[in-house]
Amino acid sequence: MVQVINNFLNNEKFYSIYKTITDVNFPWYLQQPIVFSGESEKQFTHNLVSRQEESGNEKNQTSFWVTPILSPLLQQLAKVNEKKISDTDVIRAKLSLTHRTHKTIETKPHTDVSKINLNEISETAMLYMNTNNGYTKIVGGEKIESVQNRLLIFPTDTSHFEATNTDIDHRIVLKLVYKI
């Protein structure tokens, strides 16, 4: 089930996160290339949490910035899911910043995590950090516009794609995959 929640966080919590990630001292890392339907584009990312299993070994990475960014989000998600979501339930959390393109370019359909235990039920949540004309489209489903403080929730195994924006300098999205 796809769920869209506008004004997901209260203004104080949302702007605290926004101020943190747009501060001149917040580290963004160049990731290239990401494939947009045959065209190669660059994006900047910041991995907050990455828990993946490779060859039977769990590989965990956690950013210094995880608490000020994820805590308010997890608290509000717990209210939506009517179940506490702890830090250990987070499989992956990543910020993505893509720059404006001259024309809208869509990614190839994908899921955000490929190496997860499919016996565990998980969801993907995307918090749009700014309003722009980029979007996310669920394969075979609806198109969700990038609106500041809008949260999109869907099952992790749902194929989707994203589109670049053409109207403002950049698009920022916080993606979170968690066990429910």
Protein backbone atom coordinates (compact mmCIF):
# COMPACT_ATOMS: atom_id res chain seq x y z
CA MET A 1 0.00 0.00 0.00
CA VAL A 2 1.29 3.45 -0.95
CA GLN A 3 0.74 6.19 1.60
CA VAL A 4 1.38 9.93 1.19
CA ILE A 5 1.45 12.20 4.24
CA ASN A 6 1.72 15.96 3.81
CA ASN A 7 3.32 18.10 6.55
CA PHE A 8 4.74 14.93 8.06
CA LEU A 9 6.92 16.60 10.69
CA ASN A 10 6.02 19.71 12.64
CA ASN A 11 7.76 22.82 11.32
CA GLU A 12 10.32 23.01 14.11
CA LYS A 13 11.54 19.42 13.61
CA PHE A 14 11.47 19.64 9.83
CA TYR A 15 13.46 22.88 9.66
CA SER A 16 15.97 21.56 12.18
CA ILE A 17 16.74 18.67 9.80
CA TYR A 18 16.68 20.96 6.76
CA LYS A 19 19.04 23.44 8.42
CA THR A 20 21.44 20.62 9.34
CA ILE A 21 21.65 19.11 5.86
CA THR A 22 21.93 22.44 4.04
CA ASP A 23 24.58 23.84 6.37
CA VAL A 24 27.93 24.59 4.76
CA ASN A 25 29.59 22.11 7.15
CA PHE A 26 27.33 19.15 6.32
CA PRO A 27 29.27 16.59 4.25
CA TRP A 28 27.89 15.52 0.88
CA TYR A 29 29.69 12.91 -1.21
CA LEU A 30 29.81 12.67 -4.97
CA GLN A 31 28.28 9.48 -6.31
CA GLN A 32 28.56 8.78 -9.98
CA PRO A 33 27.16 7.69 -12.23
CA ILE A 34 23.52 7.11 -11.56
CA VAL A 35 21.71 5.94 -14.63
CA PHE A 36 18.76 7.98 -15.80
CA SER A 37 17.25 6.00 -18.67
CA GLY A 38 20.53 5.76 -20.55
CA GLU A 39 21.95 9.13 -19.49
CA SER A 40 24.62 9.33 -16.84
CA GLU A 41 24.10 11.91 -14.10
CA LYS A 42 25.94 12.68 -10.88
CA GLN A 43 24.38 13.11 -7.49
CA PHE A 44 25.57 13.94 -4.02
CA THR A 45 24.65 11.58 -1.20
CA HIS A 46 25.15 11.10 2.49
CA ASN A 47 24.63 7.58 3.88
CA LEU A 48 23.24 7.87 7.37
CA VAL A 49 22.76 4.13 7.96
CA SER A 50 23.68 1.14 5.84
CA ARG A 51 23.10 -2.41 7.10
CA GLN A 52 23.62 -5.10 4.52
CA GLU A 53 24.55 -8.73 4.55
CA GLU A 54 27.31 -9.93 2.26
CA SER A 55 28.38 -13.57 2.20
CA GLY A 56 26.75 -14.19 5.58
CA ASN A 57 28.52 -11.26 7.23
CA GLU A 58 26.62 -8.19 8.33
CA LYS A 59 28.18 -4.92 7.21
CA ASN A 60 27.06 -1.83 9.17
CA GLN A 61 27.84 1.82 8.60
CA THR A 62 26.41 4.67 10.65
CA SER A 63 27.01 8.39 10.13
CA PHE A 64 27.83 10.87 12.87
CA TRP A 65 24.72 12.79 11.73
CA VAL A 66 22.22 9.94 12.22
CA THR A 67 20.68 11.07 15.53
CA PRO A 68 19.80 14.72 14.74
CA ILE A 69 18.40 13.73 11.35
CA LEU A 70 16.66 10.39 11.96
CA SER A 71 15.36 10.68 15.54
CA PRO A 72 12.46 13.04 14.76
CA LEU A 73 11.59 11.01 11.67
CA LEU A 74 11.55 7.67 13.54
CA GLN A 75 9.43 9.13 16.35
CA GLN A 76 6.80 10.36 13.89
CA LEU A 77 6.90 7.12 11.86
CA ALA A 78 6.21 5.21 15.08
CA LYS A 79 2.96 7.19 15.45
CA VAL A 80 1.96 6.41 11.87
CA ASN A 81 2.77 2.69 12.21
CA GLU A 82 1.45 2.52 15.78
CA LYS A 83 4.65 0.68 16.65
CA LYS A 84 7.99 1.93 17.91
CA ILE A 85 10.70 1.95 15.26
CA SER A 86 14.14 1.74 16.83
CA ASP A 87 17.53 2.59 15.35
CA THR A 88 18.17 -1.14 14.92
CA ASP A 89 15.07 -1.43 12.69
CA VAL A 90 16.67 0.92 10.16
CA ILE A 91 18.18 -1.02 7.28
CA ARG A 92 19.23 1.98 5.24
CA ALA A 93 18.94 5.75 5.46
CA LYS A 94 20.36 7.97 2.76
CA LEU A 95 20.13 11.59 1.69
CA SER A 96 20.25 12.28 -2.05
CA LEU A 97 20.84 15.66 -3.66
CA THR A 98 20.43 15.89 -7.42
CA HIS A 99 21.02 19.06 -9.41
CA ARG A 100 18.56 20.62 -11.79
CA THR A 101 18.60 19.24 -15.33
CA HIS A 102 17.53 21.02 -18.52
CA LYS A 103 14.86 18.40 -19.19
CA THR A 104 13.17 15.91 -16.87
CA ILE A 105 15.14 12.66 -16.74
CA GLU A 106 13.76 9.51 -15.12
CA THR A 107 15.81 6.80 -13.42
CA LYS A 108 15.36 3.19 -14.38
CA PRO A 109 12.78 1.36 -12.21
CA HIS A 110 14.43 0.06 -9.05
CA THR A 111 14.00 -0.87 -5.40
CA ASP A 112 16.15 0.95 -2.83
CA VAL A 113 17.69 -2.11 -1.15
CA SER A 114 18.53 -5.31 -2.95
CA LYS A 115 20.31 -7.27 -0.22
CA ILE A 116 17.73 -7.63 2.53
CA ASN A 117 16.10 -10.57 4.23
CA LEU A 118 12.83 -10.96 2.35
CA ASN A 119 11.33 -12.84 5.31
CA GLU A 120 11.32 -9.55 7.25
CA ILE A 121 8.61 -7.07 6.33
CA SER A 122 10.03 -3.65 5.56
CA GLU A 123 8.94 -0.31 4.18
CA THR A 124 10.60 2.51 2.32
CA ALA A 125 9.86 6.08 3.36
CA MET A 126 10.91 9.10 1.33
CA LEU A 127 10.83 12.54 2.92
CA TYR A 128 10.98 15.33 0.35
CA MET A 129 13.16 18.11 1.74
CA ASN A 130 12.23 20.77 -0.81
CA THR A 131 9.45 21.55 -3.26
CA ASN A 132 10.35 21.19 -6.93
CA ASN A 133 8.96 19.68 -10.11
CA GLY A 134 10.83 16.39 -9.70
CA TYR A 135 8.81 13.35 -8.66
CA THR A 136 8.71 9.69 -7.70
CA LYS A 137 6.55 7.27 -9.69
CA ILE A 138 5.47 3.88 -8.44
CA VAL A 139 5.66 1.37 -11.31
CA GLY A 140 2.08 0.68 -12.38
CA GLY A 141 0.83 3.28 -9.91
CA GLU A 142 0.74 6.89 -8.99
CA LYS A 143 3.14 9.79 -9.48
CA ILE A 144 4.09 11.61 -6.28
CA GLU A 145 5.28 15.21 -6.61
CA SER A 146 8.25 16.47 -4.59
CA VAL A 147 6.63 18.71 -1.99
CA GLN A 148 8.56 19.92 1.03
CA ASN A 149 7.83 17.88 4.19
CA ARG A 150 5.79 15.29 2.26
CA LEU A 151 6.40 11.66 3.23
CA LEU A 152 5.87 8.79 0.82
CA ILE A 153 5.68 5.26 2.31
CA PHE A 154 5.53 2.00 0.33
CA PRO A 155 6.64 -1.65 0.69
CA THR A 156 10.39 -1.95 0.11
CA ASP A 157 10.00 -4.46 -2.71
CA THR A 158 7.89 -1.96 -4.71
CA SER A 159 9.58 -0.92 -7.92
CA HIS A 160 9.67 2.82 -8.52
CA PHE A 161 11.63 5.47 -10.33
CA GLU A 162 12.54 9.06 -9.68
CA ALA A 163 12.70 12.08 -11.95
CA THR A 164 15.03 15.04 -11.87
CA ASN A 165 13.71 18.55 -11.47
CA THR A 166 14.05 21.40 -13.95
CA ASP A 167 12.81 24.36 -11.93
CA ILE A 168 15.13 24.99 -8.96
CA ASP A 169 18.84 24.38 -8.27
CA HIS A 170 18.50 20.97 -6.61
CA ARG A 171 16.21 18.28 -5.26
CA ILE A 172 16.86 16.73 -1.83
CA VAL A 173 15.24 13.51 -0.66
CA LEU A 174 15.76 11.55 2.56
CA LYS A 175 15.22 7.82 1.91
CA LEU A 176 14.68 5.43 4.77
CA VAL A 177 14.21 1.65 4.67
CA TYR A 178 13.10 0.05 7.94
CA LYS A 179 11.68 -3.18 9.36
CA ILE A 180 8.08 -3.08 10.50
